[in-house]
């Protein structure tokens, strides 16, 4: 049996506890949340904790992590199916319990799946944030069913929306700068950079008009 250990992380929303086994992350919770483990392994630093802390630093720092720590999901086959679907919810977006239920029903061919059963699996997610159960909302958009509490769920979703808006603004400004640069490159800054004029003359040698030469 591989060694299991615990470590802690101080987040802007309160202390978090993580557990690892071997080279994989097995748990990540807000301290005191629902379904928080009653018994934890001893504390000791593990390499996977370094990756997890780096991920959390990026996330709470307003960046979108481009990697996922190695995880070992502990749960029933049904819960694992739900958690794997949670991993596909894009940053800054949400889905509903009902839509997840429909997706599982379509995948398994069962025809119907209970949104309540999905809610139970979402609530028992043992790796918070990285498996983004906070991105699942009620059918009416209400913030329901988050084991860490509605206040944390609201703040996490608000953080992601703020980051997305900032990134869109930054991309828009970059595109604007790029377009302005394209235009400035096309418009000559100096008069002597313009093409030389020439005179078109009649047969008798008198000037007909002054034209710009083709470049």
N, C-alpha and C. Protein backbone atom coordinates (compact mmCIF):
# COMPACT_ATOMS: atom_id res chain seq x y z
N UNK A 1 0.84 -1.19 0.00
CA UNK A 1 0.00 0.00 0.00
C UNK A 1 0.88 1.25 0.00
N UNK A 2 0.55 2.23 -0.86
CA UNK A 2 1.34 3.44 -0.94
C UNK A 2 1.07 4.35 0.24
N UNK A 3 2.08 5.18 0.55
CA UNK A 3 1.95 6.10 1.67
C UNK A 3 0.97 7.22 1.34
N UNK A 4 0.17 7.61 2.33
CA UNK A 4 -0.79 8.70 2.17
C UNK A 4 -0.43 9.81 3.15
N UNK A 5 -0.48 11.07 2.65
CA UNK A 5 -0.12 12.20 3.51
C UNK A 5 -1.06 13.38 3.27
N UNK A 6 -0.96 14.33 4.17
CA UNK A 6 -1.82 15.52 4.16
C UNK A 6 -0.96 16.78 4.11
N UNK A 7 -1.51 17.82 3.46
CA UNK A 7 -0.87 19.14 3.49
C UNK A 7 -1.97 20.20 3.49
N UNK A 8 -1.60 21.43 3.83
CA UNK A 8 -2.59 22.51 3.92
C UNK A 8 -2.20 23.68 3.01
N UNK A 9 -3.21 24.43 2.63
CA UNK A 9 -3.00 25.59 1.76
C UNK A 9 -3.89 26.74 2.25
N UNK A 10 -3.30 27.90 2.38
CA UNK A 10 -4.05 29.08 2.82
C UNK A 10 -4.56 29.83 1.59
N UNK A 11 -5.84 29.70 1.31
CA UNK A 11 -6.44 30.37 0.15
C UNK A 11 -7.12 31.66 0.58
N UNK A 12 -7.44 32.55 -0.36
CA UNK A 12 -8.17 33.77 -0.01
C UNK A 12 -9.55 33.49 0.58
N UNK A 13 -10.06 32.28 0.38
CA UNK A 13 -11.38 31.92 0.89
C UNK A 13 -11.30 31.03 2.13
N UNK A 14 -10.12 30.90 2.68
CA UNK A 14 -9.95 30.07 3.87
C UNK A 14 -8.99 28.92 3.63
N UNK A 15 -8.61 28.28 4.70
CA UNK A 15 -7.64 27.19 4.60
C UNK A 15 -8.23 25.99 3.87
N UNK A 16 -7.37 25.34 3.08
CA UNK A 16 -7.75 24.14 2.38
C UNK A 16 -6.83 23.00 2.80
N UNK A 17 -7.35 21.80 2.72
CA UNK A 17 -6.58 20.61 3.06
C UNK A 17 -6.54 19.69 1.86
N UNK A 18 -5.35 19.18 1.59
CA UNK A 18 -5.18 18.25 0.46
C UNK A 18 -4.58 16.95 0.97
N UNK A 19 -4.91 15.86 0.28
CA UNK A 19 -4.32 14.56 0.60
C UNK A 19 -3.75 13.96 -0.66
N UNK A 20 -2.71 13.19 -0.49
CA UNK A 20 -2.08 12.54 -1.63
C UNK A 20 -1.69 11.12 -1.30
N UNK A 21 -1.63 10.33 -2.35
CA UNK A 21 -1.21 8.93 -2.21
C UNK A 21 -0.28 8.60 -3.37
N UNK A 22 0.94 8.20 -3.05
CA UNK A 22 1.91 7.95 -4.11
C UNK A 22 2.23 9.25 -4.83
N UNK A 23 2.01 9.26 -6.15
CA UNK A 23 2.28 10.48 -6.94
C UNK A 23 1.01 11.20 -7.33
N UNK A 24 -0.12 10.88 -6.68
CA UNK A 24 -1.40 11.44 -7.10
C UNK A 24 -2.10 12.18 -5.97
N UNK A 25 -2.86 13.20 -6.37
CA UNK A 25 -3.71 13.93 -5.45
C UNK A 25 -5.00 13.14 -5.27
N UNK A 26 -5.42 12.95 -4.01
CA UNK A 26 -6.63 12.18 -3.75
C UNK A 26 -7.74 13.01 -3.12
N UNK A 27 -7.40 14.19 -2.60
CA UNK A 27 -8.42 15.01 -1.97
C UNK A 27 -8.01 16.47 -1.88
N UNK A 28 -9.02 17.36 -1.96
CA UNK A 28 -8.79 18.79 -1.78
C UNK A 28 -10.11 19.40 -1.31
N UNK A 29 -10.13 19.91 -0.09
CA UNK A 29 -11.35 20.44 0.50
C UNK A 29 -11.10 21.78 1.17
N UNK A 30 -12.16 22.58 1.29
CA UNK A 30 -12.13 23.72 2.20
C UNK A 30 -12.34 23.16 3.60
N UNK A 31 -11.53 23.59 4.53
CA UNK A 31 -11.65 23.07 5.90
C UNK A 31 -13.05 23.33 6.45
N UNK A 32 -13.62 22.29 7.00
CA UNK A 32 -14.93 22.41 7.64
C UNK A 32 -16.11 22.26 6.70
N UNK A 33 -15.87 22.05 5.42
CA UNK A 33 -16.98 21.91 4.48
C UNK A 33 -17.71 20.59 4.71
N UNK A 34 -18.83 20.43 4.05
CA UNK A 34 -19.55 19.15 4.10
C UNK A 34 -18.67 18.05 3.51
N UNK A 35 -18.78 16.87 4.07
CA UNK A 35 -18.06 15.69 3.61
C UNK A 35 -16.55 15.81 3.82
N UNK A 36 -16.13 16.72 4.71
CA UNK A 36 -14.71 16.82 5.05
C UNK A 36 -14.32 15.56 5.81
N UNK A 37 -13.17 14.96 5.50
CA UNK A 37 -12.80 13.69 6.14
C UNK A 37 -12.72 13.80 7.66
N UNK A 38 -13.24 12.79 8.32
CA UNK A 38 -13.19 12.76 9.79
C UNK A 38 -11.80 12.42 10.28
N UNK A 39 -11.07 11.64 9.47
CA UNK A 39 -9.71 11.23 9.82
C UNK A 39 -8.80 11.54 8.63
N UNK A 40 -7.65 12.13 8.91
CA UNK A 40 -6.71 12.50 7.85
C UNK A 40 -5.38 11.79 8.06
N UNK A 41 -4.63 11.52 6.99
CA UNK A 41 -3.29 10.94 7.12
C UNK A 41 -2.35 11.94 7.79
N UNK A 42 -1.18 11.50 8.19
CA UNK A 42 -0.22 12.43 8.79
C UNK A 42 0.25 13.48 7.79
N UNK A 43 0.76 14.59 8.30
CA UNK A 43 1.24 15.67 7.43
C UNK A 43 2.66 15.39 6.97
N UNK A 44 2.87 15.51 5.68
CA UNK A 44 4.21 15.40 5.09
C UNK A 44 4.14 15.93 3.67
N UNK A 45 5.19 16.64 3.28
CA UNK A 45 5.25 17.21 1.93
C UNK A 45 5.45 16.11 0.89
N UNK A 46 4.73 16.21 -0.24
CA UNK A 46 4.84 15.26 -1.34
C UNK A 46 4.97 16.04 -2.65
N UNK A 47 5.62 15.48 -3.65
CA UNK A 47 5.77 16.18 -4.93
C UNK A 47 4.44 16.63 -5.53
N UNK A 48 3.39 15.82 -5.40
CA UNK A 48 2.11 16.19 -5.98
C UNK A 48 1.52 17.41 -5.28
N UNK A 49 1.88 17.63 -4.04
CA UNK A 49 1.42 18.83 -3.34
C UNK A 49 2.03 20.08 -3.95
N UNK A 50 3.27 19.97 -4.42
CA UNK A 50 3.91 21.11 -5.09
C UNK A 50 3.13 21.52 -6.34
N UNK A 51 2.72 20.53 -7.13
CA UNK A 51 1.93 20.81 -8.33
C UNK A 51 0.56 21.39 -7.96
N UNK A 52 -0.02 20.86 -6.89
CA UNK A 52 -1.34 21.34 -6.46
C UNK A 52 -1.26 22.78 -5.96
N UNK A 53 -0.25 23.07 -5.18
CA UNK A 53 -0.07 24.44 -4.67
C UNK A 53 0.17 25.40 -5.83
N UNK A 54 0.94 24.99 -6.81
CA UNK A 54 1.20 25.84 -7.98
C UNK A 54 -0.10 26.11 -8.73
N UNK A 55 -0.92 25.07 -8.89
CA UNK A 55 -2.22 25.22 -9.55
C UNK A 55 -3.09 26.21 -8.77
N UNK A 56 -3.16 26.06 -7.46
CA UNK A 56 -3.98 26.94 -6.63
C UNK A 56 -3.46 28.39 -6.66
N UNK A 57 -2.15 28.55 -6.64
CA UNK A 57 -1.57 29.90 -6.71
C UNK A 57 -1.97 30.59 -8.01
N UNK A 58 -1.91 29.86 -9.10
CA UNK A 58 -2.31 30.43 -10.39
C UNK A 58 -3.79 30.77 -10.39
N UNK A 59 -4.60 29.85 -9.93
CA UNK A 59 -6.05 30.05 -9.94
C UNK A 59 -6.45 31.26 -9.11
N UNK A 60 -6.03 31.31 -7.87
CA UNK A 60 -6.42 32.42 -7.00
C UNK A 60 -5.69 33.72 -7.38
N UNK A 61 -4.60 33.59 -8.14
CA UNK A 61 -3.88 34.77 -8.60
C UNK A 61 -4.48 35.40 -9.84
N UNK A 62 -5.57 34.81 -10.33
CA UNK A 62 -6.25 35.38 -11.50
C UNK A 62 -5.76 34.86 -12.83
N UNK A 63 -5.08 33.72 -12.82
CA UNK A 63 -4.65 33.07 -14.06
C UNK A 63 -5.46 31.79 -14.26
N UNK A 64 -5.44 31.29 -15.47
CA UNK A 64 -6.12 30.04 -15.78
C UNK A 64 -5.07 28.95 -15.90
N UNK A 65 -4.97 28.04 -14.94
CA UNK A 65 -3.94 26.99 -15.00
C UNK A 65 -4.05 26.19 -16.29
N UNK A 66 -2.90 25.92 -16.91
CA UNK A 66 -2.90 25.16 -18.17
C UNK A 66 -2.43 23.72 -17.95
N UNK A 67 -2.55 23.25 -16.73
CA UNK A 67 -2.18 21.87 -16.42
C UNK A 67 -3.08 21.38 -15.29
N UNK A 68 -3.09 20.08 -15.09
CA UNK A 68 -3.87 19.48 -14.00
C UNK A 68 -2.97 18.52 -13.23
N UNK A 69 -2.89 18.65 -11.93
CA UNK A 69 -2.09 17.68 -11.16
C UNK A 69 -2.61 16.27 -11.38
N UNK A 70 -1.74 15.31 -11.25
CA UNK A 70 -2.16 13.90 -11.35
C UNK A 70 -3.15 13.62 -10.22
N UNK A 71 -4.28 13.01 -10.56
CA UNK A 71 -5.31 12.74 -9.56
C UNK A 71 -5.68 11.26 -9.54
N UNK A 72 -6.03 10.79 -8.38
CA UNK A 72 -6.56 9.42 -8.21
C UNK A 72 -7.92 9.57 -7.56
N UNK A 73 -8.97 9.45 -8.37
CA UNK A 73 -10.34 9.67 -7.90
C UNK A 73 -10.83 8.46 -7.12
N UNK A 74 -11.29 8.72 -5.91
CA UNK A 74 -11.79 7.65 -5.04
C UNK A 74 -13.31 7.75 -4.96
N UNK A 75 -14.01 6.79 -5.51
CA UNK A 75 -15.47 6.83 -5.47
C UNK A 75 -16.07 5.74 -6.31
N UNK A 76 -17.39 5.70 -6.35
CA UNK A 76 -18.09 4.72 -7.16
C UNK A 76 -17.94 5.05 -8.64
N UNK A 77 -18.27 4.08 -9.48
CA UNK A 77 -18.18 4.29 -10.93
C UNK A 77 -19.07 5.44 -11.36
N UNK A 78 -20.27 5.54 -10.76
CA UNK A 78 -21.19 6.61 -11.12
C UNK A 78 -20.61 7.98 -10.75
N UNK A 79 -20.09 8.08 -9.54
CA UNK A 79 -19.52 9.36 -9.12
C UNK A 79 -18.33 9.75 -10.01
N UNK A 80 -17.50 8.79 -10.34
CA UNK A 80 -16.36 9.08 -11.21
C UNK A 80 -16.82 9.58 -12.57
N UNK A 81 -17.91 9.00 -13.08
CA UNK A 81 -18.45 9.45 -14.36
C UNK A 81 -18.88 10.91 -14.28
N UNK A 82 -19.56 11.26 -13.18
CA UNK A 82 -19.99 12.65 -12.99
C UNK A 82 -18.78 13.57 -12.86
N UNK A 83 -17.78 13.16 -12.07
CA UNK A 83 -16.61 14.01 -11.87
C UNK A 83 -15.84 14.23 -13.17
N UNK A 84 -15.78 13.20 -13.99
CA UNK A 84 -15.10 13.35 -15.28
C UNK A 84 -15.82 14.35 -16.18
N UNK A 85 -17.14 14.38 -16.09
CA UNK A 85 -17.91 15.38 -16.84
C UNK A 85 -17.63 16.78 -16.29
N UNK A 86 -17.52 16.90 -14.97
CA UNK A 86 -17.21 18.19 -14.38
C UNK A 86 -15.90 18.76 -14.93
N UNK A 87 -14.95 17.89 -15.17
CA UNK A 87 -13.65 18.33 -15.68
C UNK A 87 -13.74 18.95 -17.08
N UNK A 88 -14.84 18.71 -17.77
CA UNK A 88 -14.99 19.24 -19.13
C UNK A 88 -15.68 20.61 -19.15
N UNK A 89 -16.16 21.08 -18.00
CA UNK A 89 -16.84 22.39 -17.96
C UNK A 89 -15.79 23.48 -18.10
N UNK A 90 -15.85 24.31 -19.12
CA UNK A 90 -14.82 25.32 -19.33
C UNK A 90 -14.75 26.35 -18.21
N UNK A 91 -13.60 26.91 -18.02
CA UNK A 91 -13.38 27.97 -17.04
C UNK A 91 -14.33 29.13 -17.31
N UNK A 92 -14.98 29.61 -16.25
CA UNK A 92 -15.86 30.76 -16.39
C UNK A 92 -17.24 30.45 -16.93
N UNK A 93 -17.54 29.17 -17.14
CA UNK A 93 -18.87 28.78 -17.63
C UNK A 93 -19.54 27.87 -16.60
N UNK A 94 -20.84 27.70 -16.74
CA UNK A 94 -21.59 26.84 -15.82
C UNK A 94 -22.48 25.89 -16.61
N UNK A 95 -22.92 24.86 -15.92
CA UNK A 95 -23.91 23.95 -16.47
C UNK A 95 -24.86 23.59 -15.33
N UNK A 96 -25.87 22.80 -15.62
CA UNK A 96 -26.85 22.43 -14.59
C UNK A 96 -26.78 20.93 -14.29
N UNK A 97 -27.34 20.59 -13.16
CA UNK A 97 -27.41 19.17 -12.78
C UNK A 97 -28.22 18.39 -13.81
N UNK A 98 -29.28 19.02 -14.30
CA UNK A 98 -30.13 18.37 -15.29
C UNK A 98 -29.40 18.07 -16.58
N UNK A 99 -28.57 19.02 -17.03
CA UNK A 99 -27.83 18.80 -18.28
C UNK A 99 -26.81 17.68 -18.12
N UNK A 100 -26.18 17.61 -16.95
CA UNK A 100 -25.25 16.51 -16.70
C UNK A 100 -25.99 15.18 -16.70
N UNK A 101 -27.17 15.17 -16.09
CA UNK A 101 -27.99 13.95 -16.07
C UNK A 101 -28.35 13.52 -17.49
N UNK A 102 -28.72 14.48 -18.33
CA UNK A 102 -29.06 14.17 -19.72
C UNK A 102 -27.85 13.60 -20.46
N UNK A 103 -26.70 14.17 -20.19
CA UNK A 103 -25.48 13.70 -20.85
C UNK A 103 -25.15 12.27 -20.46
N UNK A 104 -25.28 11.96 -19.17
CA UNK A 104 -25.00 10.59 -18.71
C UNK A 104 -26.02 9.62 -19.29
N UNK A 105 -27.30 10.03 -19.32
CA UNK A 105 -28.34 9.17 -19.87
C UNK A 105 -28.07 8.87 -21.34
N UNK A 106 -27.65 9.88 -22.07
CA UNK A 106 -27.33 9.65 -23.47
C UNK A 106 -26.11 8.77 -23.66
N UNK A 107 -25.14 8.93 -22.75
CA UNK A 107 -23.91 8.15 -22.85
C UNK A 107 -24.13 6.69 -22.50
N UNK A 108 -24.99 6.43 -21.51
CA UNK A 108 -25.23 5.06 -21.05
C UNK A 108 -26.39 4.39 -21.76
N UNK A 109 -27.20 5.19 -22.47
CA UNK A 109 -28.36 4.64 -23.15
C UNK A 109 -29.49 4.28 -22.22
N UNK A 110 -29.46 4.83 -21.00
CA UNK A 110 -30.48 4.51 -20.02
C UNK A 110 -31.79 5.25 -20.26
N UNK A 111 -31.72 6.29 -21.08
CA UNK A 111 -32.93 7.03 -21.41
C UNK A 111 -33.29 8.11 -20.42
N UNK A 112 -33.02 7.89 -19.15
CA UNK A 112 -33.35 8.88 -18.13
C UNK A 112 -32.37 8.77 -16.97
N UNK A 113 -32.01 9.93 -16.42
CA UNK A 113 -31.11 9.95 -15.28
C UNK A 113 -31.59 11.02 -14.31
N UNK A 114 -31.53 10.74 -13.03
CA UNK A 114 -32.01 11.67 -12.02
C UNK A 114 -31.02 12.80 -11.78
N UNK A 115 -31.50 14.04 -11.89
CA UNK A 115 -30.66 15.20 -11.59
C UNK A 115 -30.27 15.19 -10.12
N UNK A 116 -31.13 14.63 -9.28
CA UNK A 116 -30.85 14.56 -7.85
C UNK A 116 -29.68 13.63 -7.58
N UNK A 117 -29.62 12.53 -8.32
CA UNK A 117 -28.49 11.60 -8.17
C UNK A 117 -27.19 12.27 -8.59
N UNK A 118 -27.27 13.06 -9.66
CA UNK A 118 -26.11 13.82 -10.11
C UNK A 118 -25.68 14.80 -9.03
N UNK A 119 -26.66 15.46 -8.41
CA UNK A 119 -26.36 16.41 -7.35
C UNK A 119 -25.62 15.76 -6.19
N UNK A 120 -26.01 14.53 -5.87
CA UNK A 120 -25.32 13.81 -4.80
C UNK A 120 -23.87 13.54 -5.14
N UNK A 121 -23.62 13.15 -6.39
CA UNK A 121 -22.25 12.88 -6.83
C UNK A 121 -21.42 14.15 -6.86
N UNK A 122 -22.03 15.24 -7.34
CA UNK A 122 -21.33 16.53 -7.38
C UNK A 122 -20.96 16.97 -5.97
N UNK A 123 -21.90 16.82 -5.03
CA UNK A 123 -21.66 17.23 -3.66
C UNK A 123 -20.56 16.43 -2.98
N UNK A 124 -20.34 15.20 -3.43
CA UNK A 124 -19.32 14.35 -2.84
C UNK A 124 -17.99 14.42 -3.59
N UNK A 125 -17.85 15.38 -4.49
CA UNK A 125 -16.57 15.58 -5.18
C UNK A 125 -15.47 15.79 -4.13
N UNK A 126 -14.45 14.97 -4.21
CA UNK A 126 -13.40 15.03 -3.18
C UNK A 126 -12.20 15.89 -3.57
N UNK A 127 -12.22 16.45 -4.79
CA UNK A 127 -11.11 17.32 -5.21
C UNK A 127 -11.71 18.64 -5.69
N UNK A 128 -11.97 19.52 -4.75
CA UNK A 128 -12.61 20.80 -5.07
C UNK A 128 -11.74 21.66 -5.99
N UNK A 129 -12.39 22.56 -6.69
CA UNK A 129 -11.76 23.54 -7.60
C UNK A 129 -11.15 22.89 -8.83
N UNK A 130 -10.21 21.97 -8.63
CA UNK A 130 -9.57 21.34 -9.79
C UNK A 130 -10.60 20.53 -10.56
N UNK A 131 -11.44 19.79 -9.83
CA UNK A 131 -12.66 19.22 -10.42
C UNK A 131 -13.75 20.24 -10.09
N UNK A 132 -14.14 21.07 -11.06
CA UNK A 132 -14.91 22.28 -10.76
C UNK A 132 -16.40 22.08 -10.50
N UNK A 133 -16.72 21.48 -9.35
CA UNK A 133 -18.13 21.28 -9.01
C UNK A 133 -18.84 22.61 -8.73
N UNK A 134 -18.06 23.68 -8.49
CA UNK A 134 -18.68 24.99 -8.25
C UNK A 134 -19.30 25.56 -9.52
N UNK A 135 -19.02 24.98 -10.67
CA UNK A 135 -19.58 25.47 -11.94
C UNK A 135 -20.92 24.81 -12.29
N UNK A 136 -21.46 24.05 -11.36
CA UNK A 136 -22.77 23.43 -11.58
C UNK A 136 -23.81 24.20 -10.78
N UNK A 137 -24.86 24.64 -11.45
CA UNK A 137 -25.90 25.45 -10.81
C UNK A 137 -27.26 24.80 -11.02
N UNK A 138 -28.27 25.35 -10.34
CA UNK A 138 -29.63 24.85 -10.49
C UNK A 138 -30.19 25.21 -11.85
N UNK A 139 -31.30 24.60 -12.20
CA UNK A 139 -31.91 24.83 -13.52
C UNK A 139 -32.31 26.28 -13.73
N UNK A 140 -32.53 27.00 -12.61
CA UNK A 140 -32.88 28.42 -12.70
C UNK A 140 -31.69 29.33 -12.47
N UNK A 141 -30.48 28.72 -12.45
CA UNK A 141 -29.26 29.51 -12.25
C UNK A 141 -28.91 29.74 -10.80
N UNK A 142 -29.68 29.18 -9.88
CA UNK A 142 -29.42 29.38 -8.45
C UNK A 142 -28.17 28.62 -8.01
N UNK A 143 -27.50 29.17 -6.99
CA UNK A 143 -26.26 28.57 -6.49
C UNK A 143 -26.60 27.55 -5.42
N UNK A 144 -26.85 26.35 -5.85
CA UNK A 144 -27.25 25.30 -4.91
C UNK A 144 -26.21 24.19 -4.87
N UNK A 145 -26.23 23.45 -3.76
CA UNK A 145 -25.52 22.18 -3.70
C UNK A 145 -24.01 22.22 -3.62
N UNK A 146 -23.40 23.33 -3.17
CA UNK A 146 -21.94 23.34 -3.08
C UNK A 146 -21.51 23.02 -1.66
N UNK A 147 -20.71 21.98 -1.52
CA UNK A 147 -20.32 21.51 -0.19
C UNK A 147 -19.51 22.55 0.57
N UNK A 148 -18.83 23.43 -0.16
CA UNK A 148 -18.03 24.46 0.49
C UNK A 148 -18.83 25.65 0.96
N UNK A 149 -20.11 25.71 0.58
CA UNK A 149 -20.97 26.83 0.97
C UNK A 149 -21.27 27.74 -0.21
N UNK A 150 -22.48 28.32 -0.19
CA UNK A 150 -22.92 29.18 -1.29
C UNK A 150 -22.06 30.43 -1.43
N UNK A 151 -21.58 30.95 -0.30
CA UNK A 151 -20.76 32.17 -0.37
C UNK A 151 -19.48 31.93 -1.13
N UNK A 152 -18.83 30.79 -0.88
CA UNK A 152 -17.60 30.45 -1.59
C UNK A 152 -17.89 30.18 -3.07
N UNK A 153 -18.98 29.51 -3.33
CA UNK A 153 -19.36 29.23 -4.72
C UNK A 153 -19.55 30.52 -5.49
N UNK A 154 -20.24 31.47 -4.87
CA UNK A 154 -20.48 32.76 -5.53
C UNK A 154 -19.17 33.49 -5.80
N UNK A 155 -18.26 33.46 -4.85
CA UNK A 155 -16.99 34.17 -5.01
C UNK A 155 -16.10 33.51 -6.05
N UNK A 156 -16.15 32.19 -6.12
CA UNK A 156 -15.36 31.48 -7.13
C UNK A 156 -15.86 31.80 -8.54
N UNK A 157 -17.17 31.77 -8.72
CA UNK A 157 -17.74 32.10 -10.03
C UNK A 157 -17.48 33.56 -10.38
N UNK A 158 -17.54 34.44 -9.39
CA UNK A 158 -17.25 35.85 -9.64
C UNK A 158 -15.80 36.05 -10.04
N UNK A 159 -14.89 35.34 -9.38
CA UNK A 159 -13.47 35.41 -9.75
C UNK A 159 -13.27 35.02 -11.20
N UNK A 160 -13.88 33.92 -11.61
CA UNK A 160 -13.69 33.43 -12.97
C UNK A 160 -14.27 34.41 -14.00
N UNK A 161 -15.41 35.01 -13.69
CA UNK A 161 -16.00 35.99 -14.60
C UNK A 161 -15.11 37.22 -14.71
N UNK A 162 -14.55 37.66 -13.60
CA UNK A 162 -13.66 38.82 -13.61
C UNK A 162 -12.42 38.54 -14.45
N UNK A 163 -11.85 37.37 -14.28
CA UNK A 163 -10.65 37.00 -15.05
C UNK A 163 -10.97 36.92 -16.54
N UNK A 164 -12.12 36.32 -16.88
CA UNK A 164 -12.50 36.21 -18.29
C UNK A 164 -12.70 37.59 -18.92
N UNK A 165 -13.36 38.50 -18.20
CA UNK A 165 -13.58 39.84 -18.73
C UNK A 165 -12.26 40.56 -18.94
N UNK A 166 -11.35 40.40 -17.98
CA UNK A 166 -10.04 41.04 -18.09
C UNK A 166 -9.27 40.50 -19.29
N UNK A 167 -9.33 39.19 -19.48
CA UNK A 167 -8.61 38.59 -20.60
C UNK A 167 -9.21 39.03 -21.94
N UNK A 168 -10.57 39.13 -22.00
CA UNK A 168 -11.20 39.60 -23.22
C UNK A 168 -10.80 41.03 -23.53
N UNK A 169 -10.74 41.86 -22.49
CA UNK A 169 -10.35 43.25 -22.66
C UNK A 169 -8.92 43.34 -23.15
N UNK A 170 -8.04 42.54 -22.54
CA UNK A 170 -6.64 42.53 -22.94
C UNK A 170 -6.49 42.11 -24.39
N UNK A 171 -7.23 41.05 -24.78
CA UNK A 171 -7.16 40.57 -26.17
C UNK A 171 -7.69 41.62 -27.12
N UNK A 172 -8.77 42.31 -26.72
CA UNK A 172 -9.35 43.36 -27.55
C UNK A 172 -8.37 44.51 -27.73
N UNK A 173 -7.68 44.88 -26.65
CA UNK A 173 -6.70 45.96 -26.73
C UNK A 173 -5.53 45.57 -27.61
N UNK A 174 -5.11 44.32 -27.51
CA UNK A 174 -4.01 43.85 -28.37
C UNK A 174 -4.41 43.87 -29.83
N UNK A 175 -5.64 43.45 -30.11
CA UNK A 175 -6.13 43.46 -31.49
C UNK A 175 -6.21 44.89 -32.01
N UNK A 176 -6.67 45.81 -31.15
CA UNK A 176 -6.76 47.22 -31.54
C UNK A 176 -5.38 47.77 -31.84
N UNK A 177 -4.40 47.48 -30.96
CA UNK A 177 -3.03 47.95 -31.18
C UNK A 177 -2.47 47.39 -32.47
N UNK A 178 -2.78 46.11 -32.75
CA UNK A 178 -2.28 45.48 -33.96
C UNK A 178 -2.85 46.16 -35.20
N UNK A 179 -4.16 46.44 -35.16
CA UNK A 179 -4.80 47.09 -36.30
C UNK A 179 -4.26 48.51 -36.50
N UNK A 180 -4.07 49.24 -35.40
CA UNK A 180 -3.52 50.59 -35.51
C UNK A 180 -2.12 50.55 -36.09
N UNK A 181 -1.35 49.55 -35.72
CA UNK A 181 0.00 49.41 -36.25
C UNK A 181 -0.04 49.12 -37.75
N UNK A 182 -0.99 48.26 -38.17
CA UNK A 182 -1.13 47.97 -39.60
C UNK A 182 -1.41 49.25 -40.39
N UNK A 183 -2.34 50.09 -39.87
CA UNK A 183 -2.67 51.33 -40.55
C UNK A 183 -1.49 52.28 -40.56
N UNK A 184 -0.79 52.39 -39.44
CA UNK A 184 0.35 53.31 -39.39
C UNK A 184 1.46 52.87 -40.31
N UNK A 185 1.59 51.56 -40.52
CA UNK A 185 2.60 51.06 -41.45
C UNK A 185 2.26 51.42 -42.88
N UNK A 186 0.96 51.54 -43.16
CA UNK A 186 0.54 51.82 -44.53
C UNK A 186 0.60 53.32 -44.85
N UNK A 187 0.51 54.18 -43.85
CA UNK A 187 0.48 55.63 -44.08
C UNK A 187 1.88 56.20 -43.94
N UNK A 188 2.46 56.77 -44.98
CA UNK A 188 3.82 57.32 -44.90
C UNK A 188 3.88 58.46 -43.90
N UNK A 189 4.97 58.50 -43.15
CA UNK A 189 5.15 59.55 -42.16
C UNK A 189 5.88 60.76 -42.73
N UNK A 190 6.68 60.56 -43.74
CA UNK A 190 7.48 61.64 -44.29
C UNK A 190 7.03 61.97 -45.71
N UNK A 191 7.08 63.24 -46.04
CA UNK A 191 6.64 63.67 -47.36
C UNK A 191 7.50 63.06 -48.46
N UNK A 192 8.82 62.91 -48.18
CA UNK A 192 9.69 62.38 -49.23
C UNK A 192 9.53 60.89 -49.42
N UNK A 193 8.68 60.27 -48.62
CA UNK A 193 8.44 58.85 -48.82
C UNK A 193 7.33 58.61 -49.83
N UNK A 194 6.64 59.67 -50.23
CA UNK A 194 5.59 59.55 -51.22
C UNK A 194 6.20 59.35 -52.60
N UNK A 195 5.46 58.73 -53.53
CA UNK A 195 5.99 58.54 -54.89
C UNK A 195 6.21 59.87 -55.58
N UNK A 196 7.21 59.90 -56.43
CA UNK A 196 7.54 61.13 -57.15
C UNK A 196 6.47 61.46 -58.18
N UNK A 197 6.05 62.76 -58.27
CA UNK A 197 5.08 63.14 -59.30
C UNK A 197 5.74 63.23 -60.67
N UNK A 198 4.93 63.11 -61.69
CA UNK A 198 5.45 63.33 -63.03
C UNK A 198 4.44 64.15 -63.79
N UNK A 199 4.89 64.82 -64.84
CA UNK A 199 4.01 65.64 -65.65
C UNK A 199 3.67 64.92 -66.93
N UNK A 200 2.36 64.82 -67.17
CA UNK A 200 1.91 64.27 -68.45
C UNK A 200 1.75 65.47 -69.40
N UNK A 201 2.33 65.41 -70.58
CA UNK A 201 2.33 66.56 -71.49
C UNK A 201 1.58 66.26 -72.77
N UNK A 202 1.11 67.37 -73.38
CA UNK A 202 0.53 67.24 -74.70
C UNK A 202 1.67 67.09 -75.71
N UNK A 203 1.30 66.84 -76.98
CA UNK A 203 2.31 66.68 -78.03
C UNK A 203 3.14 67.93 -78.22
N UNK A 204 2.53 69.11 -77.90
CA UNK A 204 3.28 70.34 -78.08
C UNK A 204 4.21 70.64 -76.91
N UNK A 205 4.21 69.77 -75.93
CA UNK A 205 5.13 69.93 -74.82
C UNK A 205 4.54 70.64 -73.63
N UNK A 206 3.34 71.18 -73.70
CA UNK A 206 2.74 71.87 -72.56
C UNK A 206 2.24 70.85 -71.54
N UNK A 207 2.23 71.29 -70.28
CA UNK A 207 1.83 70.38 -69.21
C UNK A 207 0.35 70.06 -69.30
N UNK A 208 0.02 68.78 -69.21
CA UNK A 208 -1.38 68.37 -69.25
C UNK A 208 -1.95 68.31 -67.84
N UNK A 209 -1.30 67.63 -66.94
CA UNK A 209 -1.67 67.58 -65.52
C UNK A 209 -0.54 66.93 -64.73
N UNK A 210 -0.66 66.97 -63.46
CA UNK A 210 0.35 66.36 -62.59
C UNK A 210 -0.28 65.13 -61.94
N UNK A 211 0.35 63.98 -62.06
CA UNK A 211 -0.23 62.72 -61.56
C UNK A 211 0.78 62.06 -60.61
N UNK A 212 0.24 61.13 -59.78
CA UNK A 212 1.14 60.32 -58.97
C UNK A 212 1.55 59.11 -59.74
N UNK A 213 2.85 58.86 -59.73
CA UNK A 213 3.36 57.69 -60.45
C UNK A 213 2.91 56.42 -59.74
N UNK A 214 2.71 55.40 -60.51
CA UNK A 214 2.40 54.10 -59.93
C UNK A 214 3.60 53.62 -59.14
N UNK A 215 3.29 52.98 -58.00
CA UNK A 215 4.41 52.46 -57.19
C UNK A 215 4.77 51.07 -57.66
